[in-house]
Amino acid sequence: MYWLSGAESEKFVKSVEDAYEKIKREGPNPIKKLGINISEKKEESL
């Protein structure tokens, strides 16, 4: 979580870049490799 004011545009850009890099390092969602469709699982449980 980031706390920023409207005057901190450079800090905002840096926080977005940091978050993007973290997500990029994590790689693809491993659940997709298993072929599991989460929306189908939700419907089955209802």
N, C-alpha and C. Protein backbone atom coordinates (compact mmCIF):
# COMPACT_ATOMS: atom_id res chain seq x y z
N MET A 1 0.85 -1.16 0.00
CA MET A 1 0.00 0.00 0.00
C MET A 1 0.90 1.23 0.00
N TYR A 2 0.50 2.18 -0.76
CA TYR A 2 1.26 3.42 -0.87
C TYR A 2 0.39 4.59 -0.43
N TRP A 3 0.97 5.50 0.32
CA TRP A 3 0.29 6.72 0.73
C TRP A 3 0.93 7.88 -0.01
N LEU A 4 0.15 8.53 -0.87
CA LEU A 4 0.68 9.61 -1.69
C LEU A 4 -0.31 10.76 -1.71
N SER A 5 0.22 11.95 -1.86
CA SER A 5 -0.64 13.10 -2.07
C SER A 5 -0.68 13.39 -3.57
N GLY A 6 -1.58 14.25 -3.98
CA GLY A 6 -1.68 14.63 -5.38
C GLY A 6 -0.45 15.32 -5.91
N ALA A 7 0.37 15.85 -5.03
CA ALA A 7 1.57 16.58 -5.45
C ALA A 7 2.78 15.66 -5.62
N GLU A 8 2.60 14.38 -5.39
CA GLU A 8 3.74 13.46 -5.43
C GLU A 8 3.70 12.58 -6.69
N SER A 9 3.63 13.22 -7.85
CA SER A 9 3.51 12.45 -9.09
C SER A 9 4.73 11.57 -9.35
N GLU A 10 5.91 12.05 -9.04
CA GLU A 10 7.12 11.25 -9.26
C GLU A 10 7.10 10.01 -8.36
N LYS A 11 6.66 10.18 -7.14
CA LYS A 11 6.57 9.05 -6.21
C LYS A 11 5.50 8.05 -6.69
N PHE A 12 4.41 8.57 -7.25
CA PHE A 12 3.37 7.71 -7.79
C PHE A 12 3.90 6.86 -8.95
N VAL A 13 4.61 7.50 -9.86
CA VAL A 13 5.19 6.78 -11.00
C VAL A 13 6.13 5.70 -10.51
N LYS A 14 6.96 6.01 -9.55
CA LYS A 14 7.92 5.04 -9.00
C LYS A 14 7.18 3.87 -8.35
N SER A 15 6.10 4.14 -7.63
CA SER A 15 5.36 3.07 -6.97
C SER A 15 4.69 2.16 -8.00
N VAL A 16 4.18 2.73 -9.09
CA VAL A 16 3.58 1.91 -10.15
C VAL A 16 4.65 1.05 -10.82
N GLU A 17 5.80 1.63 -11.09
CA GLU A 17 6.89 0.87 -11.70
C GLU A 17 7.34 -0.27 -10.79
N ASP A 18 7.45 0.00 -9.51
CA ASP A 18 7.85 -1.03 -8.55
C ASP A 18 6.83 -2.17 -8.51
N ALA A 19 5.54 -1.82 -8.48
CA ALA A 19 4.49 -2.84 -8.45
C ALA A 19 4.51 -3.67 -9.73
N TYR A 20 4.70 -3.00 -10.86
CA TYR A 20 4.77 -3.70 -12.15
C TYR A 20 5.93 -4.69 -12.18
N GLU A 21 7.08 -4.26 -11.71
CA GLU A 21 8.26 -5.14 -11.69
C GLU A 21 8.04 -6.34 -10.78
N LYS A 22 7.38 -6.13 -9.65
CA LYS A 22 7.11 -7.23 -8.73
C LYS A 22 6.18 -8.26 -9.38
N ILE A 23 5.15 -7.78 -10.04
CA ILE A 23 4.21 -8.67 -10.73
C ILE A 23 4.92 -9.41 -11.86
N LYS A 24 5.75 -8.70 -12.58
CA LYS A 24 6.50 -9.29 -13.70
C LYS A 24 7.42 -10.41 -13.21
N ARG A 25 8.07 -10.21 -12.06
CA ARG A 25 8.96 -11.23 -11.49
C ARG A 25 8.18 -12.48 -11.07
N GLU A 26 6.95 -12.29 -10.61
CA GLU A 26 6.13 -13.42 -10.17
C GLU A 26 5.80 -14.35 -11.33
N GLY A 27 5.68 -13.80 -12.51
CA GLY A 27 5.38 -14.61 -13.69
C GLY A 27 3.91 -14.92 -13.83
N PRO A 28 3.60 -15.81 -14.77
CA PRO A 28 2.21 -16.16 -15.03
C PRO A 28 1.54 -16.84 -13.83
N ASN A 29 0.25 -16.74 -13.80
CA ASN A 29 -0.54 -17.37 -12.75
C ASN A 29 -0.40 -18.89 -12.86
N PRO A 30 0.10 -19.57 -11.83
CA PRO A 30 0.30 -21.02 -11.91
C PRO A 30 -1.01 -21.80 -12.03
N ILE A 31 -2.10 -21.24 -11.61
CA ILE A 31 -3.39 -21.92 -11.72
C ILE A 31 -3.77 -22.12 -13.19
N LYS A 32 -3.41 -21.16 -14.04
CA LYS A 32 -3.71 -21.29 -15.46
C LYS A 32 -3.00 -22.49 -16.07
N LYS A 33 -1.79 -22.81 -15.58
CA LYS A 33 -1.05 -23.96 -16.09
C LYS A 33 -1.76 -25.27 -15.76
N LEU A 34 -2.52 -25.28 -14.68
CA LEU A 34 -3.25 -26.48 -14.27
C LEU A 34 -4.54 -26.67 -15.05
N GLY A 35 -4.94 -25.65 -15.80
CA GLY A 35 -6.17 -25.73 -16.58
C GLY A 35 -7.43 -25.56 -15.74
N ILE A 36 -7.30 -24.93 -14.60
CA ILE A 36 -8.44 -24.72 -13.71
C ILE A 36 -9.10 -23.39 -14.05
N ASN A 37 -10.41 -23.43 -14.26
CA ASN A 37 -11.16 -22.21 -14.52
C ASN A 37 -11.89 -21.84 -13.23
N ILE A 38 -11.46 -20.80 -12.58
CA ILE A 38 -12.01 -20.42 -11.27
C ILE A 38 -13.49 -20.07 -11.37
N SER A 39 -13.92 -19.42 -12.46
CA SER A 39 -15.32 -19.04 -12.58
C SER A 39 -16.21 -20.29 -12.64
N GLU A 40 -15.74 -21.37 -13.27
CA GLU A 40 -16.51 -22.61 -13.29
C GLU A 40 -16.60 -23.21 -11.89
N LYS A 41 -15.53 -23.13 -11.12
CA LYS A 41 -15.53 -23.67 -9.76
C LYS A 41 -16.52 -22.92 -8.89
N LYS A 42 -16.64 -21.61 -9.08
CA LYS A 42 -17.60 -20.82 -8.30
C LYS A 42 -19.02 -21.28 -8.59
N GLU A 43 -19.34 -21.50 -9.87
CA GLU A 43 -20.69 -21.91 -10.25
C GLU A 43 -21.03 -23.28 -9.67
N GLU A 44 -20.06 -24.19 -9.64
CA GLU A 44 -20.29 -25.52 -9.09
C GLU A 44 -20.60 -25.48 -7.60
N SER A 45 -20.00 -24.54 -6.89
CA SER A 45 -20.20 -24.48 -5.45
C SER A 45 -21.51 -23.83 -5.06
N LEU A 46 -22.18 -23.17 -6.01
CA LEU A 46 -23.46 -22.51 -5.70
C LEU A 46 -24.55 -23.49 -5.72
